[in-house]
Protein backbone atom coordinates (compact mmCIF):
# COMPACT_ATOMS: atom_id res chain seq x y z
CA MET A 1 0.00 0.00 0.00
CA ALA A 2 1.37 3.43 -1.00
CA GLU A 3 2.27 5.77 1.81
CA THR A 4 0.10 8.90 2.01
CA LEU A 5 1.38 12.17 3.41
CA THR A 6 -0.98 15.07 3.94
CA VAL A 7 0.60 18.43 3.14
CA PRO A 8 -1.43 21.66 3.18
CA THR A 9 -1.31 24.00 0.21
CA MET A 10 -1.08 27.78 0.29
CA ALA A 11 -4.68 27.84 -0.94
CA ASP A 12 -5.68 25.80 2.16
CA TYR A 13 -3.96 28.30 4.45
CA MET A 14 -5.48 31.28 2.66
CA ALA A 15 -8.95 29.75 2.94
CA ARG A 16 -8.46 29.63 6.71
CA GLY A 17 -7.09 33.17 6.80
CA GLU A 18 -3.71 31.89 8.04
CA ALA A 19 -0.13 31.91 6.77
CA PRO A 20 2.60 29.26 7.12
CA GLU A 21 6.11 29.99 8.43
CA ILE A 22 7.67 28.74 5.22
CA LEU A 23 6.79 27.61 1.71
CA PHE A 24 8.29 24.31 0.58
CA TRP A 25 9.19 24.70 -3.10
CA VAL A 26 9.10 21.08 -4.31
CA GLY A 27 10.55 21.61 -7.80
CA CYS A 28 10.03 19.56 -10.98
CA ALA A 29 12.33 16.70 -9.94
CA GLY A 30 10.82 16.47 -6.46
CA SER A 31 7.32 16.44 -7.94
CA PHE A 32 7.65 14.12 -10.92
CA ASP A 33 10.84 12.02 -10.70
CA ASP A 34 10.16 8.78 -8.81
CA ARG A 35 13.57 8.78 -7.14
CA ALA A 36 13.40 12.46 -6.16
CA LYS A 37 9.89 12.00 -4.72
CA LYS A 38 11.52 9.96 -1.94
CA ILE A 39 13.62 13.01 -1.02
CA THR A 40 10.47 15.15 -0.99
CA LYS A 41 8.73 12.69 1.35
CA ALA A 42 11.76 12.51 3.66
CA LEU A 43 11.85 16.30 3.98
CA VAL A 44 8.09 16.52 4.57
CA LYS A 45 8.38 13.96 7.40
CA LEU A 46 11.24 15.91 8.98
CA LEU A 47 9.34 19.21 8.79
CA GLN A 48 6.28 17.58 10.32
CA LYS A 49 8.36 15.99 13.09
CA ALA A 50 9.92 19.38 13.88
CA GLU A 51 6.39 20.89 13.87
CA VAL A 52 7.28 23.44 11.22
CA LYS A 53 4.23 25.26 9.88
CA PHE A 54 4.76 24.85 6.13
CA ALA A 55 2.81 24.60 2.89
CA VAL A 56 3.32 23.81 -0.78
CA LEU A 57 1.84 25.50 -3.84
CA GLY A 58 0.62 22.20 -5.26
CA THR A 59 -0.68 22.53 -8.80
CA GLU A 60 0.07 26.27 -8.70
CA GLU A 61 3.83 25.58 -8.68
CA ALA A 62 5.49 25.69 -12.11
CA CYS A 63 9.10 25.13 -13.16
CA THR A 64 11.37 27.97 -11.97
CA GLY A 65 12.71 28.28 -15.52
CA ASP A 66 16.22 27.19 -14.58
CA PRO A 67 16.62 24.52 -17.32
CA ALA A 68 15.32 26.92 -19.97
CA LYS A 69 17.70 29.68 -18.86
CA ARG A 70 20.76 27.39 -18.69
CA ALA A 71 19.92 26.07 -22.15
CA GLY A 72 19.85 29.66 -23.45
CA ASN A 73 16.09 30.21 -23.80
CA GLU A 74 15.81 33.48 -21.89
CA PHE A 75 12.33 34.20 -23.23
CA LEU A 76 10.89 30.94 -21.85
CA PHE A 77 12.67 31.54 -18.53
CA MET A 78 11.10 35.00 -18.23
CA MET A 79 7.63 33.62 -18.96
CA GLN A 80 7.95 30.86 -16.37
CA ALA A 81 9.59 33.06 -13.74
CA MET A 82 7.13 35.94 -14.00
CA MET A 83 4.19 33.56 -13.70
CA ASN A 84 5.71 32.11 -10.51
CA VAL A 85 6.48 35.56 -9.09
CA GLN A 86 2.84 36.54 -9.62
CA VAL A 87 1.66 33.47 -7.66
CA LEU A 88 4.25 33.86 -4.87
CA ASN A 89 3.57 37.57 -4.42
CA GLY A 90 -0.15 36.94 -4.54
CA TYR A 91 0.21 34.75 -1.46
CA GLY A 92 2.61 37.18 0.21
CA ILE A 93 5.36 34.55 0.43
CA GLU A 94 8.40 35.66 2.42
CA LYS A 95 10.40 32.51 3.13
CA ILE A 96 11.02 29.50 0.86
CA VAL A 97 12.84 26.19 1.40
CA THR A 98 13.77 23.84 -1.41
CA ALA A 99 15.70 20.58 -1.72
CA CYS A 100 16.90 21.51 -5.21
CA PRO A 101 19.97 23.80 -5.50
CA HIS A 102 18.90 24.73 -9.04
CA CYS A 103 15.56 26.06 -7.75
CA PHE A 104 17.38 27.57 -4.75
CA ASN A 105 19.82 29.50 -6.94
CA THR A 106 17.18 30.73 -9.39
CA LEU A 107 14.64 31.81 -6.76
CA LYS A 108 17.33 33.45 -4.61
CA ASN A 109 19.44 35.21 -7.22
CA GLU A 110 17.38 35.68 -10.38
CA TYR A 111 13.82 36.31 -9.20
CA PRO A 112 14.55 39.58 -7.32
CA GLU A 113 15.11 41.52 -10.56
CA LEU A 114 11.69 40.28 -11.72
CA GLY A 115 9.98 41.56 -8.57
CA GLY A 116 10.24 38.39 -6.52
CA SER A 117 12.38 38.93 -3.41
CA TYR A 118 12.23 36.10 -0.88
CA ASP A 119 14.32 34.61 1.90
CA VAL A 120 15.34 31.39 0.12
CA ILE A 121 17.14 28.58 1.94
CA HIS A 122 18.36 25.12 1.01
CA HIS A 123 16.88 22.20 2.91
CA THR A 124 20.24 21.36 4.52
CA GLN A 125 20.36 24.91 5.95
CA LEU A 126 16.88 24.51 7.40
CA LEU A 127 17.68 21.08 8.87
CA ARG A 128 20.84 22.49 10.46
CA ASP A 129 18.87 25.36 12.01
CA LEU A 130 16.14 23.03 13.30
CA MET A 131 18.79 20.86 14.94
CA LYS A 132 20.53 23.87 16.49
CA ASP A 133 17.21 25.08 17.89
CA GLY A 134 16.51 21.64 19.38
CA LYS A 135 13.39 21.16 17.23
CA LEU A 136 14.86 18.16 15.46
CA LYS A 137 16.81 15.51 17.34
CA VAL A 138 18.56 12.68 15.58
CA GLU A 139 20.04 9.46 16.87
CA GLY A 140 22.65 8.38 14.36
CA GLY A 141 23.12 4.87 15.73
CA SER A 142 21.91 3.15 12.56
CA PHE A 143 24.89 4.63 10.71
CA LYS A 144 27.50 3.55 13.25
CA GLY A 145 30.65 2.36 11.49
CA LYS A 146 29.46 3.67 8.10
CA ARG A 147 31.62 5.93 5.96
CA ILE A 148 29.85 8.80 4.22
CA THR A 149 31.27 11.17 1.60
CA PHE A 150 29.39 14.32 0.57
CA HIS A 151 29.26 15.54 -3.03
CA ASP A 152 28.91 19.34 -3.20
CA PRO A 153 26.17 20.48 -5.61
CA CYS A 154 27.51 23.27 -7.85
CA TYR A 155 24.61 25.65 -7.26
CA LEU A 156 24.81 25.24 -3.49
CA GLY A 157 28.60 25.23 -3.06
CA ARG A 158 30.54 27.21 -5.61
CA GLY A 159 27.42 29.00 -6.82
CA ASN A 160 26.26 30.25 -3.41
CA GLY A 161 29.14 29.57 -1.02
CA GLU A 162 27.32 27.07 1.21
CA TYR A 163 29.57 24.15 2.14
CA GLU A 164 29.10 23.76 5.88
CA ALA A 165 25.34 23.28 6.35
CA PRO A 166 25.14 19.80 4.77
CA ARG A 167 28.28 18.69 6.58
CA GLU A 168 27.03 20.00 9.95
CA VAL A 169 23.84 17.99 9.42
CA LEU A 170 25.73 14.82 8.43
CA GLU A 171 27.96 15.15 11.48
CA LYS A 172 24.88 14.47 13.61
CA LEU A 173 24.95 10.92 12.30
CA ASP A 174 27.10 8.41 14.13
CA ALA A 175 29.24 7.89 11.02
CA GLU A 176 32.63 8.81 9.59
CA LEU A 177 32.52 11.75 7.19
CA SER A 178 35.26 11.28 4.61
CA GLU A 179 36.05 14.07 2.12
CA MET A 180 36.90 13.52 -1.54
CA LYS A 181 40.13 15.09 -2.82
CA ARG A 182 38.06 17.48 -4.90
CA CYS A 183 35.55 18.95 -2.48
CA LYS A 184 34.15 22.30 -1.33
CA THR A 185 35.63 25.14 -3.45
CA ARG A 186 37.53 22.58 -5.51
CA GLY A 187 34.49 20.32 -6.00
CA LEU A 188 33.78 18.79 -9.40
CA CYS A 189 30.40 19.04 -11.13
CA CYS A 190 28.46 15.78 -11.47
CA GLY A 191 27.64 16.74 -15.05
CA ALA A 192 23.96 17.64 -14.68
CA GLY A 193 24.26 21.44 -14.37
CA GLY A 194 23.70 23.95 -17.16
CA ALA A 195 20.81 21.83 -18.55
CA GLN A 196 23.27 19.05 -19.45
CA MET A 197 20.90 16.67 -17.66
CA PHE A 198 18.48 16.94 -20.57
CA LYS A 199 20.74 16.43 -23.59
CA GLU A 200 22.92 13.78 -25.14
CA ALA A 201 26.56 13.75 -24.06
CA GLU A 202 29.09 15.55 -26.23
CA LYS A 203 32.13 13.76 -27.67
CA GLY A 204 34.88 13.03 -25.18
CA ASP A 205 36.83 10.32 -23.43
CA LYS A 206 34.65 10.01 -20.34
CA GLU A 207 31.31 11.12 -18.90
CA VAL A 208 31.66 13.76 -16.17
CA ASN A 209 29.53 11.76 -13.72
CA ILE A 210 31.85 8.76 -14.16
CA GLU A 211 34.85 10.95 -13.31
CA ARG A 212 33.05 12.32 -10.26
CA THR A 213 31.93 8.88 -9.11
CA GLU A 214 35.56 7.76 -9.30
CA ASP A 215 36.41 10.61 -6.89
CA ALA A 216 33.74 9.35 -4.50
CA LEU A 217 34.63 5.64 -4.72
CA GLU A 218 38.27 6.49 -4.05
CA VAL A 219 37.45 7.20 -0.38
CA LYS A 220 35.72 3.79 -0.08
CA PRO A 221 32.32 5.08 1.11
CA ASP A 222 29.30 3.08 2.16
CA ILE A 223 27.13 6.07 1.30
CA ILE A 224 27.52 8.96 -1.15
CA ALA A 225 25.46 11.82 0.30
CA ALA A 226 23.91 14.35 -2.06
CA GLY A 227 21.99 17.58 -1.61
CA CYS A 228 20.46 17.81 -5.07
CA PRO A 229 18.08 15.53 -7.03
CA PHE A 230 20.14 15.95 -10.22
CA CYS A 231 23.39 15.08 -8.45
CA ASN A 232 21.60 12.09 -6.95
CA THR A 233 20.68 10.80 -10.41
CA MET A 234 24.15 11.37 -11.87
CA MET A 235 25.99 9.76 -8.96
CA THR A 236 23.55 6.83 -8.90
CA ASP A 237 24.21 6.26 -12.61
CA GLY A 238 27.94 6.42 -11.87
CA VAL A 239 27.67 3.83 -9.11
CA LYS A 240 25.68 1.57 -11.48
CA HIS A 241 28.36 2.03 -14.15
CA PHE A 242 30.94 0.59 -11.76
CA GLU A 243 28.46 -2.11 -10.66
CA ARG A 244 28.78 -1.02 -7.05
CA GLU A 245 25.08 -0.50 -6.23
CA ASP A 246 25.15 -3.54 -3.91
CA ASN A 247 27.60 -1.91 -1.49
CA VAL A 248 27.43 1.86 -2.16
CA GLN A 249 24.20 3.81 -1.67
CA VAL A 250 23.47 7.30 -2.99
CA LEU A 251 21.15 9.14 -0.59
CA ASP A 252 20.05 12.72 -0.03
CA VAL A 253 20.96 14.36 3.28
CA ALA A 254 17.23 14.54 4.15
CA GLU A 255 16.83 10.80 3.56
CA LEU A 256 19.77 10.03 5.86
CA ILE A 257 18.39 12.23 8.64
CA ALA A 258 14.86 10.85 8.22
CA SER A 259 16.23 7.32 8.42
CA ALA A 260 18.24 8.13 11.55
CA ALA A 261 15.14 9.72 13.08
CA ASP A 262 13.19 6.52 12.33
CA LEU A 263 10.67 8.28 10.08
């Protein structure tokens, strides 16, 4: 039987004359990709456990326009973005959390010039803050003796300078955090950025995600932690390429914390 999670929409809140603390921007991957939906569910469970008053836009949420913009279609980006700004401003949204660094970057840095200024945070930043405030407690016992390596998403790390939040969250697990040689400011892209996720590979000697997976496997991890649905896909494909899916898992930070919290 499929698991059912009840999440209120902004329309539900407005009908009651109330407002949530934060809007959860699910994103296209988190809404439609079967693998990324698991990340969405993990984050929803964590927010509910921490008693965060949050809502989603539901069917009123459209693509941020990031793929269109990265692929060079500025006109399509403007159409998508301005439609979203109209909806967000209509609800008086002030704070947004998202598990997708692509959405995070676009909402945070490119919407203000279109009239959409919001306090936008990545889900690892919110989880870190909830833990610091004592609203979310995690027992990391299930990860005892495990080795975890974190792959920095481009749009979170080098794009927006956030390297510590995901690591601070992972440190709450009773596991060993092992860094790749190329990490933080020297991190290597998984190959999905710039709309590369949606096109055939160009000629070359090796796929970028294979190169990045090699970096990860070098530290002999049990788990490759990701903070982006696109990175998750690319690293998972890399692990499959090396036929290591039996002993190396690729999981989002939210999934790891939800698992440790027994959710």
